[in-house]
Amino acid sequence: MGLLDDRVAIVTGSGQGIGRAVATCLAAEGAKVVVNDIGVSLDGREAGAEDPAAAVVKEIEAAGGTAVVSHDSVADFEAAERIVGTAVDTFGRVDIVVNNAGIVRDRSLLKMEESDFDAVVAVHQKGTFNVTRHAAPLMKEAGYGRIINMTSSAGLRGNFGQTNYGAAKAAIMGMTFVWAVELAKYGITVNAMAPSGLTRMTEGLYQGEEPPASEDPSLNAAMVAFLASEQASFVNGQVVGRTGYAYTIFQTPRQVAAMWREGGWTPSEVAAHFHEVLGQHLQPVGMPSHPLLGKRS
């Protein structure tokens, strides 16, 4: 007996890397899986000679699982509807959506072209919306659903050269919070994961060195499988991550201090008092320390 026996899952971008690991894990836990991947290069510009989605389906079937291929693009609204339709037409319903599809076109802000920004946002942010928009009504009707969105530390904390990717991943976090509020009453949970692992997106970080075993992308899959299960009914609107062999949880942005003054503030008054309260909670990025802020413990 698996955590996901007889459930139907869609995993986008599951031909390689983390998506492949998630798809095979969900199948091993008993889910019937739609393996969605259009088989393009990392930047989304070129179609590959191979069919990674078909290869993953064969792998799942060889292990005794059940899966079907989908080659539709998440970035296209009508194509995303066909992805969901593949699940319904083949398996009768959709219980789980893992929004994992993505591309990267890294450039610093001063070098990034509009097309680089639009393409990455279209796959990550719009693609997450597209697939979920078509799946959620079916989940509402069934009174059950699990949606897991892939965010990233690039969106949560920032990363050089990833304006487009970071913007999309931060937006996915925001959509996760909104959908968790909107869909909870229908028995649907919505959570996000910031995964890590050696994939096409990160292989350049090691420059020929052997990556540590803790960067195996399959280490993300167990948490996704749990969040996709009935046992995770109490987990909603959360962002989890992975660091080494540890799963982590991110605290959603919240107020940590308040600077109050009867009647409000003038600009000069803010300048005079900011360091006394709010400044003590700053975590400056790339800037020199200020003597008025003192040393952080």
Foldseek 3Di string as FASTA:
>chain_A
DALQALAEEEQAPCLDFLNVLQQLVLQVRHYEYEQEDQQADQLRPGHDPDDSSVVSQVVSVVVVGHYDYQNFALLDLVSLLVSQVVRCVVRNAHAEYELDDFHADFDAPVPDDPVRLVVGLSRQQSSLVSNCVNRLVRLLVVLHHFYEYEAAVCLVPNDGRGPNNNVSRVNSLVVQQVCLVVRLVSHYAGEYEHEAADTPVCVVVQVPHDDDPLRRSSLVNVVVSCSSGPVVSVDHSWYWYDDRNDIGTDDPDDDDWDDDDVPDDDPVRCVVCVLVIVLLPDDDDPDDDDVSNDDDD
